[in-house]
């Protein structure tokens, strides 16, 4: 019974939640004629199932990381292209209607934001565990103004009203 207990103790010391883990050797000499041998054989089968499950989880995580890295690499070029075209259109020498200028400004701003997300996606793919959450102040006024501007572009015939109250100091 000590062989089963020592193998079980070795398994309990493993960091099974951290990814790829090498399980210890199986319980030796599992005699199916004895109760201890039957427990050892069952324990060995259980270790085999755990090892298989951990391997599948690790393979899935690696596929997800590869996908995130590939997707972010593929998205970088079109996002940069969108930003470039918007900036080029904003430099047009002839007069451009104000609504078109606002739309191009929004396209440029959103492409910058998408570029940041793509960069973050690539960084997360590269950092096996991710990076710590950023806790930065957010200008909600700018966020609401951008949302209303985007809503106007999506539904130009709708009447959009934005009402802001003065902010309170903390």
Protein backbone atom coordinates (compact mmCIF):
# COMPACT_ATOMS: atom_id res chain seq x y z
CA UNK A 1 0.00 0.00 0.00
CA UNK A 2 2.93 2.37 0.57
CA UNK A 3 3.72 2.32 -3.18
CA UNK A 4 0.20 3.56 -3.98
CA UNK A 5 0.35 6.18 -1.21
CA UNK A 6 3.76 7.50 -2.29
CA UNK A 7 2.64 7.76 -5.94
CA UNK A 8 -0.57 9.53 -4.83
CA UNK A 9 1.46 11.93 -2.67
CA UNK A 10 3.73 12.71 -5.63
CA UNK A 11 0.67 13.52 -7.78
CA UNK A 12 -0.81 15.83 -5.14
CA UNK A 13 2.42 17.85 -5.14
CA UNK A 14 2.17 18.60 -8.88
CA UNK A 15 0.97 22.01 -10.15
CA UNK A 16 -1.68 20.51 -12.45
CA UNK A 17 -3.20 23.93 -13.22
CA UNK A 18 -0.04 25.36 -14.80
CA UNK A 19 -0.04 23.67 -18.18
CA UNK A 20 2.27 20.91 -19.23
CA UNK A 21 2.95 18.59 -16.30
CA UNK A 22 4.93 15.35 -16.18
CA UNK A 23 3.09 12.82 -14.05
CA UNK A 24 5.15 10.48 -11.87
CA UNK A 25 5.82 6.86 -12.67
CA UNK A 26 2.85 4.60 -12.21
CA UNK A 27 2.35 2.33 -9.24
CA UNK A 28 4.62 -0.68 -9.78
CA UNK A 29 3.63 -4.32 -9.40
CA UNK A 30 -0.16 -4.11 -9.56
CA UNK A 31 -1.22 -7.66 -8.77
CA UNK A 32 -4.88 -8.06 -9.80
CA UNK A 33 -5.26 -10.87 -7.22
CA UNK A 34 -4.90 -8.47 -4.29
CA UNK A 35 -6.99 -5.51 -3.24
CA UNK A 36 -3.91 -3.26 -3.10
CA UNK A 37 -2.97 -4.40 -6.61
CA UNK A 38 -6.47 -3.62 -7.87
CA UNK A 39 -6.35 -0.16 -6.28
CA UNK A 40 -2.91 0.40 -7.84
CA UNK A 41 -4.16 -0.67 -11.28
CA UNK A 42 -7.20 1.63 -10.97
CA UNK A 43 -4.95 4.45 -9.82
CA UNK A 44 -2.66 3.90 -12.82
CA UNK A 45 -5.64 4.04 -15.19
CA UNK A 46 -6.80 7.25 -13.51
CA UNK A 47 -3.32 8.76 -13.95
CA UNK A 48 -3.47 7.81 -17.62
CA UNK A 49 -6.80 9.63 -18.00
CA UNK A 50 -5.47 12.70 -16.18
CA UNK A 51 -2.32 12.70 -18.33
CA UNK A 52 -4.42 12.45 -21.49
CA UNK A 53 -6.73 15.27 -20.37
CA UNK A 54 -3.77 17.52 -19.48
CA UNK A 55 -2.17 16.81 -22.85
CA UNK A 56 -5.38 17.71 -24.70
CA UNK A 57 -5.78 20.89 -22.67
CA UNK A 58 -2.17 21.90 -23.35
CA UNK A 59 -2.57 21.22 -27.08
CA UNK A 60 -5.78 23.29 -27.15
CA UNK A 61 -4.10 26.20 -25.38
CA UNK A 62 -1.19 26.07 -27.82
CA UNK A 63 -3.60 26.08 -30.80
CA UNK A 64 -5.42 29.07 -29.31
CA UNK A 65 -2.14 30.95 -28.78
CA UNK A 66 -1.05 30.21 -32.35
CA UNK A 67 -4.42 31.35 -33.69
CA UNK A 68 -4.28 34.59 -31.69
CA UNK A 69 -0.76 35.30 -32.92
CA UNK A 70 -1.64 34.49 -36.54
CA UNK A 71 -4.86 36.51 -36.44
CA UNK A 72 -3.14 39.54 -34.95
CA UNK A 73 -0.38 39.40 -37.56
CA UNK A 74 -2.97 39.15 -40.34
CA UNK A 75 -5.07 42.02 -38.93
CA UNK A 76 -2.19 44.47 -38.61
CA UNK A 77 -1.95 45.21 -42.34
CA UNK A 78 -5.63 45.91 -43.08
CA UNK A 79 -6.00 48.04 -39.93
CA UNK A 80 -2.95 50.08 -40.91
CA UNK A 81 -4.35 50.38 -44.45
CA UNK A 82 -7.70 51.67 -43.18
CA UNK A 83 -5.94 54.22 -40.99
CA UNK A 84 -3.72 55.31 -43.88
CA UNK A 85 -6.64 55.74 -46.28
CA UNK A 86 -8.61 57.76 -43.73
CA UNK A 87 -5.62 60.02 -43.06
CA UNK A 88 -5.02 60.43 -46.79
CA UNK A 89 -8.65 61.39 -47.38
CA UNK A 90 -8.47 63.91 -44.53
CA UNK A 91 -5.57 65.65 -46.33
CA UNK A 92 -7.66 66.16 -49.47
CA UNK A 93 -6.83 69.68 -50.74
CA UNK A 94 -10.35 70.57 -51.84
CA UNK A 95 -13.21 71.34 -49.43
CA UNK A 96 -14.80 68.27 -47.90
CA UNK A 97 -18.24 68.38 -46.24
CA UNK A 98 -18.06 68.55 -42.44
CA UNK A 99 -19.97 65.28 -42.07
CA UNK A 100 -17.46 63.47 -44.26
CA UNK A 101 -14.57 64.96 -42.30
CA UNK A 102 -16.16 63.79 -39.01
CA UNK A 103 -16.69 60.31 -40.47
CA UNK A 104 -13.08 60.13 -41.64
CA UNK A 105 -11.86 61.35 -38.24
CA UNK A 106 -13.88 58.56 -36.60
CA UNK A 107 -12.54 55.95 -39.04
CA UNK A 108 -9.00 57.10 -38.28
CA UNK A 109 -9.62 57.07 -34.52
CA UNK A 110 -11.27 53.65 -34.54
CA UNK A 111 -8.49 52.20 -36.69
CA UNK A 112 -5.99 53.44 -34.11
CA UNK A 113 -8.08 51.76 -31.40
CA UNK A 114 -8.29 48.52 -33.44
CA UNK A 115 -4.54 48.66 -33.96
CA UNK A 116 -4.07 48.81 -30.21
CA UNK A 117 -6.34 45.81 -29.74
CA UNK A 118 -4.46 43.87 -32.40
CA UNK A 119 -1.17 44.72 -30.69
CA UNK A 120 -2.61 43.59 -27.34
CA UNK A 121 -3.81 40.36 -28.92
CA UNK A 122 -0.34 39.71 -30.28
CA UNK A 123 1.22 40.50 -26.91
CA UNK A 124 -1.17 38.15 -25.13
CA UNK A 125 -0.32 35.43 -27.60
CA UNK A 126 3.37 35.97 -26.95
CA UNK A 127 3.08 36.11 -23.19
CA UNK A 128 2.06 32.65 -22.16
CA UNK A 129 0.13 33.85 -19.14
CA UNK A 130 -1.12 37.23 -20.40
CA UNK A 131 -0.29 40.57 -18.89
CA UNK A 132 -1.70 42.30 -15.82
CA UNK A 133 -4.88 44.27 -16.25
CA UNK A 134 -4.37 47.96 -16.84
CA UNK A 135 -6.27 50.19 -14.49
CA UNK A 136 -6.20 53.58 -16.14
CA UNK A 137 -8.74 56.39 -15.86
CA UNK A 138 -11.22 56.50 -18.75
CA UNK A 139 -12.67 59.71 -20.15
CA UNK A 140 -16.33 58.68 -20.33
CA UNK A 141 -17.29 61.96 -21.97
CA UNK A 142 -15.04 61.14 -24.95
CA UNK A 143 -16.41 57.59 -25.01
CA UNK A 144 -20.03 58.82 -25.09
CA UNK A 145 -19.28 61.46 -27.73
CA UNK A 146 -17.64 58.83 -29.92
CA UNK A 147 -20.59 56.48 -29.45
CA UNK A 148 -23.10 59.17 -30.43
CA UNK A 149 -21.00 60.08 -33.47
CA UNK A 150 -20.90 56.42 -34.51
CA UNK A 151 -24.66 56.11 -33.95
CA UNK A 152 -25.24 59.12 -36.19
CA UNK A 153 -23.20 57.46 -38.93
CA UNK A 154 -25.23 54.26 -38.57
CA UNK A 155 -28.60 56.01 -38.48
CA UNK A 156 -28.29 59.45 -40.06
CA UNK A 157 -32.06 59.96 -40.19
CA UNK A 158 -32.48 59.40 -36.46
CA UNK A 159 -32.37 62.30 -34.07
CA UNK A 160 -29.61 61.76 -31.54
CA UNK A 161 -29.47 63.91 -28.43
CA UNK A 162 -26.62 63.89 -25.98
CA UNK A 163 -27.21 65.57 -22.66
CA UNK A 164 -24.30 65.89 -20.25
CA UNK A 165 -24.43 67.06 -16.68
CA UNK A 166 -21.49 68.89 -15.13
CA UNK A 167 -19.07 66.48 -13.52
CA UNK A 168 -18.69 66.27 -9.77
CA UNK A 169 -15.26 66.50 -8.25
CA UNK A 170 -14.19 63.47 -6.22
